[in-house]
Amino acid sequence: MDSPTMYGVWVSDNAQLLVTEMVCLYFEKQCDGAVRVVLRVEGLCEDSSLFTSERAVRVPFPQDFSVSFPNEQEVVVGGNTLRRVEEIEMCNPYDMPTLDSPDQVGERMDEWRLGTVAGYDPVKQNVVVEVSTPKCMMIYLMGAGFHYFRCARIKNTDEGTFFYQNIIFQDNMKDHRLCYFSPCNEREVMNDPELVMARFRPDATDYDFTKGVYWHITSTTSDGITLHDVRGKDYYVRRKTIENNIWYEWIKYPGRGK
C-alpha cells in the first residue's frame, strides 16, 4: 500500500477508510443512501459491494478508485476528504504474552485481537477480511449465503468486549437484517463511545446496536478467552504466536513486536 506514515483509520460523515500495509478498505455513503464498499488486499483479491436496507450485491471494482494523501492528517478518496482518527504500525509475528491474572483480561484482548485475517475462495468467490486495530474493527464478508460489513469502535475490559457499531450491514439470508450508517459518523468515530459496565452481564437481552453491543466473558485460560453475546453464541479470542500464526498481517501493540 502507501507509505507507513499513512497507515491508519480515516473518517468523514459519509465515509471511512482503513489503510494497512496489505489492506485498503473503504466505506462510502451514496447520495441515495446506499453504501459502497471497496476492498483491495495485496496479493489476494480486489472486491466491491453495494448495500442498502434491502440487500447487498457484488458490483464491479471501480477502475477509477484512488486514494491520495495531501498531508499526514487528511486523505482524499474520489471527491471525499477524510480526517485521520487513528495511526497504526505494522510488525512482524511474535509470541504474544499469556494471560496470568484476572486483571490482565482486557489488556490481553487488546493485544491478541490486533491484526488482519484474510481469505479468498476464487471458485466460490467468497471474501473474508477482518482487521482489528487498537481502536477499531472493520470487516468485509461477501459470499453466497452471507453478507456482512462492519466498522466499529471497540473497547476491551476485564468484564468483556464493547462494540460501538457506526456502520453495519448484516444479513443471514433468513430473518435477520441490520443496516445502519451513523449520521454523525466522524464525531462518533473520533470520540470515545460511552461504556456502561453494568451491561456486561449473562442475563442481558438488549440488543440496541446504536448504543453499543456488549459481550461478557464466560471463561479464560492462559491462552484463550471465551465471550458470550446476547444471542447465546460463544466467541473466542486466542493468543497468537509465531508458530500459531493465522494472520495475514500483524498490527503492532505498544511496546511489543518489531
Foldseek 3Di string as FASTA:
>chain_A
DDDLLQAAWWDDLFKIWGDDPFKIWIWGQDPVRKIKIWIGGPPADTWIWIDDQVDIDTDDHDPPWDWDDPDSQWIQTPNDIIGGQDRWGFFDFAFQFWDDDLQCFQVSLLALQAAWFWDADPVQRWTWIWHDDSFWIWTATDTPQWGKTWIWTWGGGSFFIKTQTQAIWTDRPPPDTDGHHHSGNRVPSNDDADDDVVCSDPQDQDDPNNNIFTWGWDDDDRFKTWTAGNVGDIDIRGGDHPVRDNGPTGIDDPPDGD
